[in-house]
């Protein structure tokens, strides 16, 4: 077994652009779930509307790239208002139902045959990222032996981690302000906050918009990284992977989503490489009756899920979290 190759694969994924996507999405979920107690199960929907706002604006409508970026930042705000207005005055589980349903509706609409001329159907859209790639200052790939990135991935990773750093700084500042303290209070007991004269609905809406914008930023970054927007990239599992990253690192902690995303991708890629090497070749280490190469790519999810279950049993607050920060009132 090639340990160096396993480590290289794990580090490349853990510190590369893929981890950035989930870090940004998890930062948004941290604002929703960790700090405010909002159950948003449709972060993939916020990602999708942002990505498609960029691609449709540039490819379908023929408008400039930076105009598309502007629309991509506005789209999740509109979606948050549409979803939050009828649900945020109700119990927390209503928001969960509406957001997961909305994410699936968006994915089915953009992938439908009837809307193919606008959204590209199941094949999606491409041809909008040339401006972003032209800004790449790097002349070649990065190769440190156990960590490798192509030229395009290196540029995406640098931009992405800068965005993550700025996002963490913004969350750190906001959550130490009076506004952030109100969000924490709403998470603990919104009736008490309401009795003090605070407009709980308005604060919830602001938190939903801000967290949704981070989700939109994740979708925008994913679209630029891949240079294509495909409906299958915004399925429900991307939301739950982001929740996995958040819970691994620790909810209601500024760096929890970031560390969780790095650990999540390190485990997922590392385990995939391990099981891949154990089952590859004409004479694999593991017998084919136990596991073949096709099953190896799926077993990594089972092992990662088992690790998450054990973490939730023995340390439910996550690696860096505080047990007192994870209780929510879903009445």
C-alpha atoms as a PDB file:
ATOM      1  CA  UNK A   1       0.000   0.000   0.000  1.00  0.00           C
ATOM      2  CA  UNK A   2       1.338   3.417  -1.017  1.00  0.00           C
ATOM      3  CA  UNK A   3       1.047   5.545   2.142  1.00  0.00           C
ATOM      4  CA  UNK A   4       2.496   8.613   0.405  1.00  0.00           C
ATOM      5  CA  UNK A   5      -0.155   8.482  -2.310  1.00  0.00           C
ATOM      6  CA  UNK A   6      -2.897   8.130   0.305  1.00  0.00           C
ATOM      7  CA  UNK A   7      -1.575  11.132   2.218  1.00  0.00           C
ATOM      8  CA  UNK A   8      -1.184  13.139  -0.987  1.00  0.00           C
ATOM      9  CA  UNK A   9      -4.763  12.429  -2.056  1.00  0.00           C
ATOM     10  CA  UNK A  10      -6.144  13.247   1.401  1.00  0.00           C
ATOM     11  CA  UNK A  11      -4.219  16.524   1.778  1.00  0.00           C
ATOM     12  CA  UNK A  12      -4.995  17.665  -1.759  1.00  0.00           C
ATOM     13  CA  UNK A  13      -8.713  17.269  -1.142  1.00  0.00           C
ATOM     14  CA  UNK A  14      -8.620  18.601   2.429  1.00  0.00           C
ATOM     15  CA  UNK A  15      -6.805  21.812   1.479  1.00  0.00           C
ATOM     16  CA  UNK A  16      -8.021  22.150  -2.090  1.00  0.00           C
ATOM     17  CA  UNK A  17     -11.057  23.824  -3.666  1.00  0.00           C
ATOM     18  CA  UNK A  18     -13.525  21.058  -2.753  1.00  0.00           C
ATOM     19  CA  UNK A  19     -13.062  21.726   0.951  1.00  0.00           C
ATOM     20  CA  UNK A  20     -13.582  25.450   0.319  1.00  0.00           C
ATOM     21  CA  UNK A  21     -17.050  24.818  -1.129  1.00  0.00           C
ATOM     22  CA  UNK A  22     -18.189  22.948   1.960  1.00  0.00           C
ATOM     23  CA  UNK A  23     -16.470  25.364   4.325  1.00  0.00           C
ATOM     24  CA  UNK A  24     -18.420  28.295   2.848  1.00  0.00           C
ATOM     25  CA  UNK A  25     -21.690  26.339   2.882  1.00  0.00           C
ATOM     26  CA  UNK A  26     -21.064  25.208   6.462  1.00  0.00           C
ATOM     27  CA  UNK A  27     -20.313  28.771   7.603  1.00  0.00           C
ATOM     28  CA  UNK A  28     -23.781  29.702   6.378  1.00  0.00           C
ATOM     29  CA  UNK A  29     -25.314  26.740   8.203  1.00  0.00           C
ATOM     30  CA  UNK A  30     -23.390  27.744  11.311  1.00  0.00           C
ATOM     31  CA  UNK A  31     -25.146  31.113  11.257  1.00  0.00           C
ATOM     32  CA  UNK A  32     -28.484  29.387  10.745  1.00  0.00           C
ATOM     33  CA  UNK A  33     -28.212  26.363  13.007  1.00  0.00           C
ATOM     34  CA  UNK A  34     -25.275  27.051  15.295  1.00  0.00           C
ATOM     35  CA  UNK A  35     -25.991  30.642  16.280  1.00  0.00           C
ATOM     36  CA  UNK A  36     -29.712  31.168  15.592  1.00  0.00           C
ATOM     37  CA  UNK A  37     -31.234  27.689  15.862  1.00  0.00           C
ATOM     38  CA  UNK A  38     -32.731  27.729  12.356  1.00  0.00           C
ATOM     39  CA  UNK A  39     -33.049  24.347  10.640  1.00  0.00           C
ATOM     40  CA  UNK A  40     -32.118  24.995   7.026  1.00  0.00           C
ATOM     41  CA  UNK A  41     -32.051  21.703   5.118  1.00  0.00           C
ATOM     42  CA  UNK A  42     -31.894  23.419   1.736  1.00  0.00           C
ATOM     43  CA  UNK A  43     -28.464  25.027   1.588  1.00  0.00           C
ATOM     44  CA  UNK A  44     -28.006  23.312  -1.780  1.00  0.00           C
ATOM     45  CA  UNK A  45     -30.864  25.452  -3.061  1.00  0.00           C
ATOM     46  CA  UNK A  46     -29.063  28.665  -2.105  1.00  0.00           C
ATOM     47  CA  UNK A  47     -25.964  27.332  -3.845  1.00  0.00           C
ATOM     48  CA  UNK A  48     -27.932  26.448  -6.972  1.00  0.00           C
ATOM     49  CA  UNK A  49     -29.695  29.805  -7.409  1.00  0.00           C
ATOM     50  CA  UNK A  50     -26.393  31.640  -7.092  1.00  0.00           C
ATOM     51  CA  UNK A  51     -24.564  29.388  -9.553  1.00  0.00           C
ATOM     52  CA  UNK A  52     -27.368  29.547 -12.093  1.00  0.00           C
ATOM     53  CA  UNK A  53     -27.758  33.295 -11.666  1.00  0.00           C
ATOM     54  CA  UNK A  54     -24.158  33.668 -12.821  1.00  0.00           C
ATOM     55  CA  UNK A  55     -24.306  31.154 -15.663  1.00  0.00           C
ATOM     56  CA  UNK A  56     -27.693  32.232 -17.036  1.00  0.00           C
ATOM     57  CA  UNK A  57     -26.749  35.901 -16.918  1.00  0.00           C
ATOM     58  CA  UNK A  58     -23.507  35.354 -18.827  1.00  0.00           C
ATOM     59  CA  UNK A  59     -24.309  32.424 -21.144  1.00  0.00           C
ATOM     60  CA  UNK A  60     -28.044  32.705 -21.816  1.00  0.00           C
ATOM     61  CA  UNK A  61     -28.481  36.474 -21.587  1.00  0.00           C
ATOM     62  CA  UNK A  62     -25.019  37.412 -22.862  1.00  0.00           C
ATOM     63  CA  UNK A  63     -24.309  39.946 -20.116  1.00  0.00           C
ATOM     64  CA  UNK A  64     -20.852  40.761 -18.649  1.00  0.00           C
ATOM     65  CA  UNK A  65     -19.238  38.431 -16.118  1.00  0.00           C
ATOM     66  CA  UNK A  66     -19.256  40.911 -13.234  1.00  0.00           C
ATOM     67  CA  UNK A  67     -22.946  41.627 -13.746  1.00  0.00           C
ATOM     68  CA  UNK A  68     -23.476  37.880 -13.405  1.00  0.00           C
ATOM     69  CA  UNK A  69     -21.508  37.878 -10.153  1.00  0.00           C
ATOM     70  CA  UNK A  70     -23.763  40.646  -8.854  1.00  0.00           C
ATOM     71  CA  UNK A  71     -26.881  38.663  -9.714  1.00  0.00           C
ATOM     72  CA  UNK A  72     -25.312  35.592  -8.075  1.00  0.00           C
ATOM     73  CA  UNK A  73     -24.962  37.494  -4.801  1.00  0.00           C
ATOM     74  CA  UNK A  74     -28.506  38.878  -4.932  1.00  0.00           C
ATOM     75  CA  UNK A  75     -30.248  35.601  -5.826  1.00  0.00           C
ATOM     76  CA  UNK A  76     -29.798  33.898  -2.415  1.00  0.00           C
ATOM     77  CA  UNK A  77     -31.107  37.017  -0.676  1.00  0.00           C
ATOM     78  CA  UNK A  78     -34.317  36.829  -2.703  1.00  0.00           C
ATOM     79  CA  UNK A  79     -34.640  33.103  -2.025  1.00  0.00           C
ATOM     80  CA  UNK A  80     -34.144  33.637   1.717  1.00  0.00           C
ATOM     81  CA  UNK A  81     -36.906  36.252   1.798  1.00  0.00           C
ATOM     82  CA  UNK A  82     -39.279  34.020  -0.174  1.00  0.00           C
ATOM     83  CA  UNK A  83     -38.666  31.050   2.111  1.00  0.00           C
ATOM     84  CA  UNK A  84     -38.419  32.933   5.389  1.00  0.00           C
ATOM     85  CA  UNK A  85     -41.444  35.205   5.107  1.00  0.00           C
ATOM     86  CA  UNK A  86     -44.089  32.451   5.497  1.00  0.00           C
ATOM     87  CA  UNK A  87     -42.138  30.153   7.838  1.00  0.00           C
ATOM     88  CA  UNK A  88     -40.034  32.079  10.350  1.00  0.00           C
ATOM     89  CA  UNK A  89     -43.034  32.904  12.528  1.00  0.00           C
ATOM     90  CA  UNK A  90     -43.810  29.187  12.799  1.00  0.00           C
ATOM     91  CA  UNK A  91     -42.017  26.289  14.474  1.00  0.00           C
ATOM     92  CA  UNK A  92     -38.460  25.476  13.456  1.00  0.00           C
ATOM     93  CA  UNK A  93     -39.409  22.267  11.647  1.00  0.00           C
ATOM     94  CA  UNK A  94     -41.543  24.192   9.138  1.00  0.00           C
ATOM     95  CA  UNK A  95     -38.461  26.008   7.879  1.00  0.00           C
ATOM     96  CA  UNK A  96     -36.675  22.661   7.542  1.00  0.00           C
ATOM     97  CA  UNK A  97     -39.521  21.225   5.437  1.00  0.00           C
ATOM     98  CA  UNK A  98     -39.814  24.300   3.225  1.00  0.00           C
ATOM     99  CA  UNK A  99     -36.078  24.658   2.580  1.00  0.00           C
ATOM    100  CA  UNK A 100     -35.442  21.021   1.657  1.00  0.00           C
ATOM    101  CA  UNK A 101     -38.493  21.046  -0.615  1.00  0.00           C
ATOM    102  CA  UNK A 102     -37.427  24.325  -2.247  1.00  0.00           C
ATOM    103  CA  UNK A 103     -33.926  22.993  -2.924  1.00  0.00           C
ATOM    104  CA  UNK A 104     -35.358  19.954  -4.697  1.00  0.00           C
ATOM    105  CA  UNK A 105     -37.846  22.079  -6.656  1.00  0.00           C
ATOM    106  CA  UNK A 106     -35.046  24.356  -7.844  1.00  0.00           C
ATOM    107  CA  UNK A 107     -32.906  21.385  -8.891  1.00  0.00           C
ATOM    108  CA  UNK A 108     -35.763  19.788 -10.830  1.00  0.00           C
ATOM    109  CA  UNK A 109     -36.700  23.048 -12.551  1.00  0.00           C
ATOM    110  CA  UNK A 110     -33.188  23.861 -13.774  1.00  0.00           C
ATOM    111  CA  UNK A 111     -32.739  20.282 -14.973  1.00  0.00           C
ATOM    112  CA  UNK A 112     -36.090  20.030 -16.746  1.00  0.00           C
ATOM    113  CA  UNK A 113     -36.409  19.599 -20.496  1.00  0.00           C
ATOM    114  CA  UNK A 114     -38.952  22.432 -20.719  1.00  0.00           C
ATOM    115  CA  UNK A 115     -36.390  24.926 -19.342  1.00  0.00           C
ATOM    116  CA  UNK A 116     -33.432  23.561 -21.302  1.00  0.00           C
ATOM    117  CA  UNK A 117     -33.046  26.684 -23.455  1.00  0.00           C
ATOM    118  CA  UNK A 118     -32.572  28.776 -20.320  1.00  0.00           C
ATOM    119  CA  UNK A 119     -30.787  26.475 -17.858  1.00  0.00           C
ATOM    120  CA  UNK A 120     -29.213  23.890 -20.145  1.00  0.00           C
ATOM    121  CA  UNK A 121     -31.208  20.922 -18.873  1.00  0.00           C
ATOM    122  CA  UNK A 122     -29.372  17.970 -17.360  1.00  0.00           C
ATOM    123  CA  UNK A 123     -26.185  18.971 -19.193  1.00  0.00           C
ATOM    124  CA  UNK A 124     -26.100  22.356 -17.473  1.00  0.00           C
ATOM    125  CA  UNK A 125     -24.271  25.448 -18.668  1.00  0.00           C
ATOM    126  CA  UNK A 126     -20.633  26.364 -19.240  1.00  0.00           C
ATOM    127  CA  UNK A 127     -18.565  29.017 -20.962  1.00  0.00           C
ATOM    128  CA  UNK A 128     -18.907  31.761 -18.339  1.00  0.00           C
ATOM    129  CA  UNK A 129     -15.676  31.418 -16.313  1.00  0.00           C
ATOM    130  CA  UNK A 130     -13.065  32.696 -18.781  1.00  0.00           C
ATOM    131  CA  UNK A 131     -12.838  36.046 -16.993  1.00  0.00           C
ATOM    132  CA  UNK A 132     -12.149  34.347 -13.666  1.00  0.00           C
ATOM    133  CA  UNK A 133      -9.507  32.075 -15.175  1.00  0.00           C
ATOM    134  CA  UNK A 134      -7.845  34.989 -16.970  1.00  0.00           C
ATOM    135  CA  UNK A 135      -7.105  36.582 -13.584  1.00  0.00           C
ATOM    136  CA  UNK A 136      -4.965  33.578 -12.583  1.00  0.00           C
ATOM    137  CA  UNK A 137      -1.467  34.928 -11.715  1.00  0.00           C
ATOM    138  CA  UNK A 138       0.160  31.495 -11.373  1.00  0.00           C
ATOM    139  CA  UNK A 139       2.298  30.203 -14.220  1.00  0.00           C
ATOM    140  CA  UNK A 140       2.117  26.518 -13.350  1.00  0.00           C
ATOM    141  CA  UNK A 141       0.916  23.870 -10.896  1.00  0.00           C
ATOM    142  CA  UNK A 142       1.965  23.527  -7.264  1.00  0.00           C
ATOM    143  CA  UNK A 143       3.820  20.318  -6.372  1.00  0.00           C
ATOM    144  CA  UNK A 144       5.110  19.892  -2.819  1.00  0.00           C
ATOM    145  CA  UNK A 145       5.415  16.135  -3.008  1.00  0.00           C
ATOM    146  CA  UNK A 146       2.591  15.200  -0.677  1.00  0.00           C
ATOM    147  CA  UNK A 147       0.424  18.101  -1.832  1.00  0.00           C
ATOM    148  CA  UNK A 148      -0.347  18.851  -5.458  1.00  0.00           C
ATOM    149  CA  UNK A 149      -2.685  21.268  -7.188  1.00  0.00           C
ATOM    150  CA  UNK A 150      -3.082  22.077 -10.848  1.00  0.00           C
ATOM    151  CA  UNK A 151      -2.717  25.676 -11.994  1.00  0.00           C
ATOM    152  CA  UNK A 152      -6.471  26.260 -12.085  1.00  0.00           C
ATOM    153  CA  UNK A 153      -7.074  24.492  -8.760  1.00  0.00           C
ATOM    154  CA  UNK A 154      -4.278  26.494  -7.149  1.00  0.00           C
ATOM    155  CA  UNK A 155      -5.914  29.762  -8.206  1.00  0.00           C
ATOM    156  CA  UNK A 156      -9.323  28.538  -7.048  1.00  0.00           C
ATOM    157  CA  UNK A 157      -7.901  27.377  -3.709  1.00  0.00           C
ATOM    158  CA  UNK A 158      -6.190  30.715  -3.033  1.00  0.00           C
ATOM    159  CA  UNK A 159      -9.313  32.710  -3.857  1.00  0.00           C
ATOM    160  CA  UNK A 160     -11.493  30.276  -1.939  1.00  0.00           C
ATOM    161  CA  UNK A 161      -9.493  30.216   1.276  1.00  0.00           C
ATOM    162  CA  UNK A 162      -9.271  34.014   1.217  1.00  0.00           C
ATOM    163  CA  UNK A 163     -13.080  34.094   1.020  1.00  0.00           C
ATOM    164  CA  UNK A 164     -13.291  31.598   3.877  1.00  0.00           C
ATOM    165  CA  UNK A 165     -10.929  33.703   5.986  1.00  0.00           C
ATOM    166  CA  UNK A 166     -12.912  36.883   5.338  1.00  0.00           C
ATOM    167  CA  UNK A 167     -16.137  35.023   6.084  1.00  0.00           C
ATOM    168  CA  UNK A 168     -14.797  33.770   9.412  1.00  0.00           C
ATOM    169  CA  UNK A 169     -13.638  37.268  10.295  1.00  0.00           C
ATOM    170  CA  UNK A 170     -17.083  38.656   9.505  1.00  0.00           C
ATOM    171  CA  UNK A 171     -18.831  35.986  11.591  1.00  0.00           C
ATOM    172  CA  UNK A 172     -16.397  36.533  14.470  1.00  0.00           C
ATOM    173  CA  UNK A 173     -17.136  40.279  14.472  1.00  0.00           C
ATOM    174  CA  UNK A 174     -20.908  39.906  14.105  1.00  0.00           C
ATOM    175  CA  UNK A 175     -21.308  37.278  16.800  1.00  0.00           C
ATOM    176  CA  UNK A 176     -19.511  39.462  19.308  1.00  0.00           C
ATOM    177  CA  UNK A 177     -21.758  42.413  18.532  1.00  0.00           C
ATOM    178  CA  UNK A 178     -25.159  43.099  20.122  1.00  0.00           C
ATOM    179  CA  UNK A 179     -26.751  41.686  16.967  1.00  0.00           C
ATOM    180  CA  UNK A 180     -24.952  38.380  17.409  1.00  0.00           C
ATOM    181  CA  UNK A 181     -25.889  38.183  21.080  1.00  0.00           C
ATOM    182  CA  UNK A 182     -29.552  38.572  20.126  1.00  0.00           C
ATOM    183  CA  UNK A 183     -29.210  35.646  17.703  1.00  0.00           C
ATOM    184  CA  UNK A 184     -27.776  33.465  20.450  1.00  0.00           C
ATOM    185  CA  UNK A 185     -30.628  34.504  22.727  1.00  0.00           C
ATOM    186  CA  UNK A 186     -33.172  33.576  20.075  1.00  0.00           C
ATOM    187  CA  UNK A 187     -31.581  30.161  19.814  1.00  0.00           C
ATOM    188  CA  UNK A 188     -31.945  29.641  23.551  1.00  0.00           C
ATOM    189  CA  UNK A 189     -35.420  31.132  24.153  1.00  0.00           C
ATOM    190  CA  UNK A 190     -37.052  33.329  21.543  1.00  0.00           C
ATOM    191  CA  UNK A 191     -40.069  34.020  23.784  1.00  0.00           C
ATOM    192  CA  UNK A 192     -37.782  35.682  26.319  1.00  0.00           C
ATOM    193  CA  UNK A 193     -36.200  37.759  23.561  1.00  0.00           C
ATOM    194  CA  UNK A 194     -39.626  38.767  22.289  1.00  0.00           C
ATOM    195  CA  UNK A 195     -40.661  39.807  25.803  1.00  0.00           C
ATOM    196  CA  UNK A 196     -37.722  42.246  25.838  1.00  0.00           C
ATOM    197  CA  UNK A 197     -39.145  44.064  22.835  1.00  0.00           C
ATOM    198  CA  UNK A 198     -36.935  42.565  20.129  1.00  0.00           C
ATOM    199  CA  UNK A 199     -38.376  41.803  16.709  1.00  0.00           C
ATOM    200  CA  UNK A 200     -37.541  38.092  16.601  1.00  0.00           C
ATOM    201  CA  UNK A 201     -38.885  37.646  13.068  1.00  0.00           C
ATOM    202  CA  UNK A 202     -36.628  40.399  11.723  1.00  0.00           C
ATOM    203  CA  UNK A 203     -33.536  38.942  13.399  1.00  0.00           C
ATOM    204  CA  UNK A 204     -34.342  35.473  12.097  1.00  0.00           C
ATOM    205  CA  UNK A 205     -34.809  36.835   8.596  1.00  0.00           C
ATOM    206  CA  UNK A 206     -31.487  38.669   8.763  1.00  0.00           C
ATOM    207  CA  UNK A 207     -29.736  35.497   9.918  1.00  0.00           C
ATOM    208  CA  UNK A 208     -31.414  33.454   7.174  1.00  0.00           C
ATOM    209  CA  UNK A 209     -30.330  35.974   4.544  1.00  0.00           C
ATOM    210  CA  UNK A 210     -26.738  36.147   5.790  1.00  0.00           C
ATOM    211  CA  UNK A 211     -26.357  32.378   6.025  1.00  0.00           C
ATOM    212  CA  UNK A 212     -28.020  31.981   2.638  1.00  0.00           C
ATOM    213  CA  UNK A 213     -25.540  34.424   1.126  1.00  0.00           C
ATOM    214  CA  UNK A 214     -22.692  32.236   2.348  1.00  0.00           C
ATOM    215  CA  UNK A 215     -24.457  29.303   0.722  1.00  0.00           C
ATOM    216  CA  UNK A 216     -24.767  31.341  -2.457  1.00  0.00           C
ATOM    217  CA  UNK A 217     -21.080  32.194  -2.257  1.00  0.00           C
ATOM    218  CA  UNK A 218     -20.320  28.469  -2.008  1.00  0.00           C
ATOM    219  CA  UNK A 219     -22.423  27.811  -5.102  1.00  0.00           C
ATOM    220  CA  UNK A 220     -20.772  30.670  -6.973  1.00  0.00           C
ATOM    221  CA  UNK A 221     -17.323  29.381  -6.063  1.00  0.00           C
ATOM    222  CA  UNK A 222     -18.258  25.835  -7.101  1.00  0.00           C
ATOM    223  CA  UNK A 223     -19.490  27.116 -10.457  1.00  0.00           C
ATOM    224  CA  UNK A 224     -16.251  29.032 -11.064  1.00  0.00           C
ATOM    225  CA  UNK A 225     -14.088  26.134  -9.895  1.00  0.00           C
ATOM    226  CA  UNK A 226     -15.745  23.605 -12.179  1.00  0.00           C
ATOM    227  CA  UNK A 227     -16.415  26.008 -15.069  1.00  0.00           C
ATOM    228  CA  UNK A 228     -19.805  24.344 -15.430  1.00  0.00           C
ATOM    229  CA  UNK A 229     -23.148  24.306 -13.642  1.00  0.00           C
ATOM    230  CA  UNK A 230     -24.969  20.961 -13.591  1.00  0.00           C
ATOM    231  CA  UNK A 231     -28.188  20.250 -11.639  1.00  0.00           C
ATOM    232  CA  UNK A 232     -26.784  17.049 -10.108  1.00  0.00           C
ATOM    233  CA  UNK A 233     -24.115  19.097  -8.310  1.00  0.00           C
ATOM    234  CA  UNK A 234     -26.810  20.683  -6.138  1.00  0.00           C
ATOM    235  CA  UNK A 235     -28.619  17.640  -4.812  1.00  0.00           C
ATOM    236  CA  UNK A 236     -29.742  17.321  -1.206  1.00  0.00           C
ATOM    237  CA  UNK A 237     -26.671  15.378  -0.118  1.00  0.00           C
ATOM    238  CA  UNK A 238     -24.471  18.458  -0.496  1.00  0.00           C
ATOM    239  CA  UNK A 239     -26.475  20.105   2.308  1.00  0.00           C
ATOM    240  CA  UNK A 240     -26.001  17.147   4.605  1.00  0.00           C
ATOM    241  CA  UNK A 241     -22.294  16.928   3.786  1.00  0.00           C
ATOM    242  CA  UNK A 242     -22.053  20.580   4.846  1.00  0.00           C
ATOM    243  CA  UNK A 243     -23.898  19.720   8.066  1.00  0.00           C
ATOM    244  CA  UNK A 244     -21.451  16.869   8.594  1.00  0.00           C
ATOM    245  CA  UNK A 245     -18.553  19.294   8.286  1.00  0.00           C
ATOM    246  CA  UNK A 246     -20.256  21.698  10.705  1.00  0.00           C
ATOM    247  CA  UNK A 247     -20.924  19.010  13.312  1.00  0.00           C
ATOM    248  CA  UNK A 248     -17.414  17.601  13.013  1.00  0.00           C
ATOM    249  CA  UNK A 249     -15.785  20.944  13.717  1.00  0.00           C
ATOM    250  CA  UNK A 250     -18.357  22.168  16.206  1.00  0.00           C
ATOM    251  CA  UNK A 251     -21.455  24.323  15.794  1.00  0.00           C
ATOM    252  CA  UNK A 252     -21.470  27.920  17.075  1.00  0.00           C
ATOM    253  CA  UNK A 253     -17.704  28.131  16.726  1.00  0.00           C
ATOM    254  CA  UNK A 254     -16.178  30.494  14.173  1.00  0.00           C
ATOM    255  CA  UNK A 255     -13.591  28.006  12.921  1.00  0.00           C
ATOM    256  CA  UNK A 256     -15.746  24.925  13.467  1.00  0.00           C
ATOM    257  CA  UNK A 257     -17.089  24.754   9.877  1.00  0.00           C
ATOM    258  CA  UNK A 258     -13.632  25.308   8.391  1.00  0.00           C
ATOM    259  CA  UNK A 259     -11.851  22.681  10.467  1.00  0.00           C
ATOM    260  CA  UNK A 260     -14.774  20.314   9.979  1.00  0.00           C
ATOM    261  CA  UNK A 261     -14.606  20.681   6.186  1.00  0.00           C
ATOM    262  CA  UNK A 262     -10.892  19.966   6.180  1.00  0.00           C
ATOM    263  CA  UNK A 263     -11.316  16.879   8.380  1.00  0.00           C
ATOM    264  CA  UNK A 264     -14.310  15.677   6.371  1.00  0.00           C
ATOM    265  CA  UNK A 265     -12.470  15.788   3.058  1.00  0.00           C
ATOM    266  CA  UNK A 266      -9.279  14.378   4.565  1.00  0.00           C
ATOM    267  CA  UNK A 267     -11.205  11.357   5.841  1.00  0.00           C
ATOM    268  CA  UNK A 268     -13.318  10.943   2.724  1.00  0.00           C
ATOM    269  CA  UNK A 269     -10.439  11.206   0.246  1.00  0.00           C
ATOM    270  CA  UNK A 270      -7.984   9.289   2.413  1.00  0.00           C
ATOM    271  CA  UNK A 271     -10.383   6.396   3.002  1.00  0.00           C
ATOM    272  CA  UNK A 272     -11.278   6.353  -0.688  1.00  0.00           C
ATOM    273  CA  UNK A 273      -7.609   6.026  -1.586  1.00  0.00           C
ATOM    274  CA  UNK A 274      -7.060   3.294   1.026  1.00  0.00           C
ATOM    275  CA  UNK A 275      -9.978   1.158  -0.113  1.00  0.00           C
ATOM    276  CA  UNK A 276      -9.132   1.859  -3.748  1.00  0.00           C
ATOM    277  CA  UNK A 277      -5.615   0.475  -3.288  1.00  0.00           C
ATOM    278  CA  UNK A 278      -6.933  -2.522  -1.353  1.00  0.00           C
ATOM    279  CA  UNK A 279      -9.218  -3.525  -4.215  1.00  0.00           C
ATOM    280  CA  UNK A 280      -7.292  -2.499  -7.363  1.00  0.00           C
ATOM    281  CA  UNK A 281      -5.288  -4.695  -9.706  1.00  0.00           C
ATOM    282  CA  UNK A 282      -5.586  -8.271 -10.906  1.00  0.00           C
ATOM    283  CA  UNK A 283      -4.596  -9.597  -7.474  1.00  0.00           C
ATOM    284  CA  UNK A 284      -6.166  -7.210  -4.927  1.00  0.00           C
ATOM    285  CA  UNK A 285      -5.298  -7.305  -1.247  1.00  0.00           C
ATOM    286  CA  UNK A 286      -8.943  -7.717  -0.276  1.00  0.00           C
ATOM    287  CA  UNK A 287     -10.796 -10.652  -1.851  1.00  0.00           C
ATOM    288  CA  UNK A 288     -13.463  -9.680  -4.349  1.00  0.00           C
ATOM    289  CA  UNK A 289     -16.133 -11.544  -2.377  1.00  0.00           C
ATOM    290  CA  UNK A 290     -15.554  -9.098   0.478  1.00  0.00           C
ATOM    291  CA  UNK A 291     -15.237  -5.884  -1.523  1.00  0.00           C
ATOM    292  CA  UNK A 292     -14.661  -4.964  -5.161  1.00  0.00           C
ATOM    293  CA  UNK A 293     -13.439  -1.691  -6.691  1.00  0.00           C
ATOM    294  CA  UNK A 294     -16.986  -0.434  -7.238  1.00  0.00           C
ATOM    295  CA  UNK A 295     -17.968  -1.002  -3.624  1.00  0.00           C
ATOM    296  CA  UNK A 296     -14.716   0.568  -2.382  1.00  0.00           C
ATOM    297  CA  UNK A 297     -15.835   4.048  -3.444  1.00  0.00           C
ATOM    298  CA  UNK A 298     -18.994   3.658  -1.337  1.00  0.00           C
ATOM    299  CA  UNK A 299     -17.491   2.082   1.773  1.00  0.00           C
ATOM    300  CA  UNK A 300     -15.674   5.325   2.568  1.00  0.00           C
ATOM    301  CA  UNK A 301     -19.050   6.988   3.177  1.00  0.00           C
ATOM    302  CA  UNK A 302     -20.028   4.166   5.525  1.00  0.00           C
ATOM    303  CA  UNK A 303     -16.819   4.511   7.547  1.00  0.00           C
ATOM    304  CA  UNK A 304     -17.078   8.315   7.611  1.00  0.00           C
ATOM    305  CA  UNK A 305     -20.712   8.044   8.742  1.00  0.00           C
ATOM    306  CA  UNK A 306     -19.719   5.609  11.473  1.00  0.00           C
ATOM    307  CA  UNK A 307     -17.043   8.022  12.675  1.00  0.00           C
ATOM    308  CA  UNK A 308     -19.636  10.819  12.782  1.00  0.00           C
ATOM    309  CA  UNK A 309     -22.038   8.610  14.763  1.00  0.00           C
ATOM    310  CA  UNK A 310     -19.347   7.834  17.330  1.00  0.00           C
ATOM    311  CA  UNK A 311     -18.490  11.539  17.567  1.00  0.00           C
ATOM    312  CA  UNK A 312     -22.140  12.418  18.170  1.00  0.00           C
ATOM    313  CA  UNK A 313     -22.352   9.765  20.903  1.00  0.00           C
ATOM    314  CA  UNK A 314     -19.181  10.625  22.799  1.00  0.00           C
ATOM    315  CA  UNK A 315     -18.724  14.300  21.890  1.00  0.00           C
ATOM    316  CA  UNK A 316     -21.978  15.684  20.435  1.00  0.00           C
ATOM    317  CA  UNK A 317     -20.675  19.261  20.441  1.00  0.00           C
ATOM    318  CA  UNK A 318     -18.035  18.394  17.837  1.00  0.00           C
ATOM    319  CA  UNK A 319     -14.278  18.648  18.080  1.00  0.00           C
ATOM    320  CA  UNK A 320     -14.088  22.304  19.071  1.00  0.00           C
ATOM    321  CA  UNK A 321     -17.703  22.908  20.065  1.00  0.00           C
ATOM    322  CA  UNK A 322     -19.339  23.568  23.400  1.00  0.00           C
ATOM    323  CA  UNK A 323     -22.193  21.297  24.510  1.00  0.00           C
ATOM    324  CA  UNK A 324     -24.127  24.328  25.760  1.00  0.00           C
ATOM    325  CA  UNK A 325     -24.109  25.832  22.258  1.00  0.00           C
ATOM    326  CA  UNK A 326     -25.951  23.038  20.447  1.00  0.00           C
ATOM    327  CA  UNK A 327     -29.319  22.952  22.208  1.00  0.00           C
ATOM    328  CA  UNK A 328     -32.191  24.380  20.151  1.00  0.00           C
ATOM    329  CA  UNK A 329     -35.868  24.873  20.896  1.00  0.00           C
ATOM    330  CA  UNK A 330     -37.953  23.538  17.984  1.00  0.00           C
ATOM    331  CA  UNK A 331     -41.336  24.330  19.478  1.00  0.00           C
END
